Amino acid sequence: MAVLAAGGCAAAPGPARPGTRVKALKGGRVSTSFSRDGAGALAMIESAEQDEDFRLRKYTLYQKQLGRAGSIAVDGDTVRFLLITGDEESRDEETVSDPVVSGPTLFGHIYRNWDALMGGAEPTVRFAVLERLETIGFTLRKDASAPGQVSIRMAAASPIIALGVDPIFITFDATTKRLVRLRGRVPPKVEVNGELEAFDARVEYRVSVPVYR
């Protein structure tokens, strides 16, 4: 498992360093995440517009490694996908009943459900995967953690999908609720024998502002 360092959440614009930048909007916010590959080159940029309750409105992706771009729009219980690869466009639409999250909005969704998770609730979400033109169901729950920390386990809700997708573990400081670490599948790809492949990593976060929000 690779170990990556990530910048924290910042409220002001800056250079495309690894990490997440948050900008306030009327009635919500935009969270933008920058990821780099093992050589330090910019691999992808994800941006997600969400309302004040961290509900996803629109997600956009620029995946430089794969030469892809696209967007996801959420309107009520309808999710619309647009993926552009070279000169090809792919579109699809899906109806969902659970909240939809993306990479930049996942942490905010956990904050929104913090008290319920601490009380033993196991909410489900639909994680939007643009390259698959679909959402995938995941269950969140509080997991065993080190003293002074809180770990949230995010596992595929479908037993079949769970066979090929390992859980993701997200760790927070128990007192400040600051994001500390993510362990599991990460967005960038790694080159193996000339091919780009998905991989798991441990990402250590450094917080640049007092609070995420």
Protein backbone atom coordinates (compact mmCIF):
# COMPACT_ATOMS: atom_id res chain seq x y z
CA MET A 1 0.00 0.00 0.00
CA ALA A 2 1.45 3.37 -1.02
CA VAL A 3 1.61 6.28 1.41
CA LEU A 4 0.57 9.69 0.10
CA ALA A 5 0.60 13.12 1.72
CA ALA A 6 -2.27 15.49 1.06
CA GLY A 7 -2.80 19.15 1.76
CA GLY A 8 -5.65 20.15 3.99
CA CYS A 9 -8.82 22.09 3.28
CA ALA A 10 -8.22 25.71 2.40
CA ALA A 11 -10.73 28.49 1.91
CA ALA A 12 -8.66 30.56 -0.50
CA PRO A 13 -7.56 29.68 -4.05
CA GLY A 14 -3.98 28.54 -4.54
CA PRO A 15 -1.74 26.40 -6.72
CA ALA A 16 -2.84 22.91 -7.65
CA ARG A 17 -1.25 21.08 -4.71
CA PRO A 18 -2.69 17.75 -3.56
CA GLY A 19 -5.68 18.27 -1.29
CA THR A 20 -9.07 19.95 -1.21
CA ARG A 21 -10.03 23.61 -1.53
CA VAL A 22 -13.43 24.82 -0.32
CA LYS A 23 -15.12 27.98 -1.58
CA ALA A 24 -18.39 29.32 -0.18
CA LEU A 25 -21.33 29.85 -2.54
CA LYS A 26 -24.76 31.32 -1.96
CA GLY A 27 -26.68 28.43 -0.39
CA GLY A 28 -23.73 26.04 -0.35
CA ARG A 29 -20.10 25.55 -1.31
CA VAL A 30 -17.77 24.19 -3.98
CA SER A 31 -15.13 21.63 -2.99
CA THR A 32 -12.27 21.06 -5.43
CA SER A 33 -9.75 18.23 -5.04
CA PHE A 34 -6.36 18.03 -6.78
CA SER A 35 -4.50 14.71 -7.14
CA ARG A 36 -0.98 14.07 -8.40
CA ASP A 37 0.66 10.90 -9.65
CA GLY A 38 3.79 9.27 -8.20
CA ALA A 39 6.04 11.57 -10.24
CA GLY A 40 4.31 14.70 -8.93
CA ALA A 41 2.46 15.55 -12.15
CA LEU A 42 -1.15 16.70 -11.91
CA ALA A 43 -3.28 13.59 -12.46
CA MET A 44 -6.82 14.82 -11.99
CA ILE A 45 -9.05 17.60 -10.72
CA GLU A 46 -12.47 16.93 -9.19
CA SER A 47 -14.92 19.70 -8.31
CA ALA A 48 -18.27 19.30 -6.58
CA GLU A 49 -20.97 21.84 -5.89
CA GLN A 50 -23.08 21.03 -2.82
CA ASP A 51 -25.79 22.70 -0.78
CA GLU A 52 -25.55 23.75 2.87
CA ASP A 53 -26.37 20.17 3.96
CA PHE A 54 -23.53 18.76 1.81
CA ARG A 55 -25.98 17.34 -0.73
CA LEU A 56 -24.34 16.99 -4.15
CA ARG A 57 -25.67 19.21 -6.93
CA LYS A 58 -23.01 18.92 -9.63
CA TYR A 59 -19.69 17.15 -10.02
CA THR A 60 -17.07 17.78 -12.71
CA LEU A 61 -13.95 15.77 -13.50
CA TYR A 62 -10.77 16.36 -15.48
CA GLN A 63 -8.80 13.08 -15.55
CA LYS A 64 -5.54 13.96 -17.26
CA GLN A 65 -4.01 10.48 -16.92
CA LEU A 66 -6.79 8.86 -18.94
CA GLY A 67 -7.65 11.80 -21.17
CA ARG A 68 -11.18 11.96 -19.81
CA ALA A 69 -13.51 14.69 -18.64
CA GLY A 70 -17.15 14.85 -17.70
CA SER A 71 -19.84 15.81 -15.26
CA ILE A 72 -22.57 14.44 -13.00
CA ALA A 73 -25.73 16.42 -12.23
CA VAL A 74 -28.10 15.50 -9.39
CA ASP A 75 -31.69 16.76 -9.61
CA GLY A 76 -33.88 15.30 -6.87
CA ASP A 77 -33.70 11.53 -7.28
CA THR A 78 -32.29 11.71 -10.82
CA VAL A 79 -28.56 11.46 -11.55
CA ARG A 80 -27.31 12.36 -15.04
CA PHE A 81 -23.85 11.37 -16.30
CA LEU A 82 -21.74 12.79 -19.13
CA LEU A 83 -18.32 11.27 -19.90
CA ILE A 84 -16.04 12.53 -22.67
CA THR A 85 -13.10 10.42 -23.82
CA GLY A 86 -11.32 11.92 -26.80
CA ASP A 87 -14.01 12.57 -29.40
CA GLU A 88 -16.51 10.19 -27.82
CA GLU A 89 -19.39 11.17 -25.52
CA SER A 90 -21.23 8.75 -23.26
CA ARG A 91 -24.39 9.66 -21.37
CA ASP A 92 -26.61 7.84 -18.92
CA GLU A 93 -29.26 8.51 -16.29
CA GLU A 94 -30.09 6.79 -13.00
CA THR A 95 -32.83 7.07 -10.39
CA VAL A 96 -31.68 6.80 -6.76
CA SER A 97 -33.27 6.80 -3.32
CA ASP A 98 -30.16 7.29 -1.14
CA PRO A 99 -27.98 10.44 -0.93
CA VAL A 100 -25.42 10.78 -3.73
CA VAL A 101 -21.82 11.61 -2.85
CA SER A 102 -18.60 12.09 -4.80
CA GLY A 103 -14.97 12.24 -3.73
CA PRO A 104 -14.99 15.93 -2.73
CA THR A 105 -18.32 15.66 -0.85
CA LEU A 106 -17.81 12.40 1.06
CA PHE A 107 -16.19 13.99 4.11
CA GLY A 108 -18.91 16.63 4.34
CA HIS A 109 -21.57 13.93 4.24
CA ILE A 110 -19.87 12.19 7.17
CA TYR A 111 -19.85 15.47 9.12
CA ARG A 112 -23.55 15.93 8.37
CA ASN A 113 -24.28 12.46 9.78
CA TRP A 114 -21.69 12.56 12.56
CA ASP A 115 -24.07 12.28 15.53
CA ALA A 116 -26.01 9.43 13.93
CA LEU A 117 -22.80 7.53 13.13
CA MET A 118 -21.52 8.01 16.69
CA GLY A 119 -24.83 6.57 17.89
CA GLY A 120 -24.39 3.39 15.86
CA ALA A 121 -26.39 4.26 12.74
CA GLU A 122 -25.22 2.78 9.44
CA PRO A 123 -26.43 5.14 6.69
CA THR A 124 -26.13 4.19 3.04
CA VAL A 125 -24.96 6.42 0.21
CA ARG A 126 -24.63 6.16 -3.54
CA PHE A 127 -21.06 6.95 -4.61
CA ALA A 128 -21.08 8.46 -8.09
CA VAL A 129 -18.50 6.84 -10.39
CA LEU A 130 -18.29 8.82 -13.61
CA GLU A 131 -16.12 6.35 -15.55
CA ARG A 132 -18.79 3.66 -14.94
CA LEU A 133 -21.73 6.03 -15.60
CA GLU A 134 -23.42 4.83 -12.44
CA THR A 135 -23.61 5.13 -8.67
CA ILE A 136 -22.52 2.34 -6.33
CA GLY A 137 -24.10 1.75 -2.93
CA PHE A 138 -21.92 1.95 0.18
CA THR A 139 -22.68 1.65 3.89
CA LEU A 140 -20.98 3.90 6.45
CA ARG A 141 -20.41 2.87 10.06
CA LYS A 142 -18.20 3.71 13.01
CA ASP A 143 -15.32 1.27 13.27
CA ALA A 144 -12.74 0.36 15.92
CA SER A 145 -10.10 3.08 16.17
CA ALA A 146 -7.07 4.24 18.14
CA PRO A 147 -7.57 6.35 21.30
CA GLY A 148 -8.44 9.94 20.46
CA GLN A 149 -9.52 9.06 16.94
CA VAL A 150 -12.73 8.06 15.17
CA SER A 151 -12.64 5.70 12.20
CA ILE A 152 -15.49 5.45 9.70
CA ARG A 153 -15.68 2.30 7.56
CA MET A 154 -17.15 2.68 4.08
CA ALA A 155 -17.96 -0.69 2.53
CA ALA A 156 -19.83 -1.74 -0.60
CA ALA A 157 -23.46 -2.52 0.27
CA SER A 158 -23.69 -5.29 -2.33
CA PRO A 159 -21.97 -8.55 -1.29
CA ILE A 160 -21.05 -9.16 -4.93
CA ILE A 161 -19.37 -5.77 -5.39
CA ALA A 162 -17.72 -6.16 -1.97
CA LEU A 163 -15.83 -9.18 -3.34
CA GLY A 164 -13.84 -6.88 -5.61
CA VAL A 165 -13.89 -3.59 -3.70
CA ASP A 166 -12.17 -3.44 -0.30
CA PRO A 167 -13.60 -1.12 2.38
CA ILE A 168 -12.25 2.41 2.77
CA PHE A 169 -11.35 3.64 6.27
CA ILE A 170 -11.54 7.36 7.04
CA THR A 171 -10.02 8.57 10.32
CA PHE A 172 -10.83 11.79 12.19
CA ASP A 173 -9.57 13.43 15.36
CA ALA A 174 -12.23 12.57 17.97
CA THR A 175 -12.14 16.02 19.60
CA THR A 176 -11.79 18.42 16.66
CA LYS A 177 -13.36 16.14 14.00
CA ARG A 178 -10.48 17.09 11.71
CA LEU A 179 -9.69 14.65 8.93
CA VAL A 180 -6.52 12.68 9.75
CA ARG A 181 -6.21 9.80 7.30
CA LEU A 182 -7.83 7.82 4.50
CA ARG A 183 -6.88 4.21 3.79
CA GLY A 184 -8.15 2.49 0.67
CA ARG A 185 -8.79 3.12 -3.03
CA VAL A 186 -7.67 6.56 -4.25
CA PRO A 187 -8.59 8.44 -7.48
CA PRO A 188 -5.21 8.61 -9.29
CA LYS A 189 -3.90 5.64 -11.25
CA VAL A 190 -0.44 4.04 -11.03
CA GLU A 191 1.54 2.75 -13.99
CA VAL A 192 2.25 -0.99 -13.88
CA ASN A 193 4.02 -2.59 -16.87
CA GLY A 194 3.00 0.31 -19.08
CA GLU A 195 -0.66 0.19 -18.04
CA LEU A 196 -2.53 2.56 -15.70
CA GLU A 197 -4.18 0.68 -12.86
CA ALA A 198 -6.22 1.56 -9.78
CA PHE A 199 -4.45 1.20 -6.44
CA ASP A 200 -4.95 1.51 -2.69
CA ALA A 201 -3.01 3.95 -0.51
CA ARG A 202 -2.80 5.52 2.92
CA VAL A 203 -3.34 9.26 2.62
CA GLU A 204 -2.20 11.49 5.50
CA TYR A 205 -3.97 14.87 5.67
CA ARG A 206 -2.64 18.20 6.89
CA VAL A 207 -5.37 20.71 7.79
CA SER A 208 -4.74 24.27 6.58
CA VAL A 209 -7.76 25.99 8.18
CA PRO A 210 -9.46 25.50 11.58
CA VAL A 211 -12.61 23.80 10.25
CA TYR A 212 -13.70 22.11 7.03
CA ARG A 213 -16.79 24.26 6.72
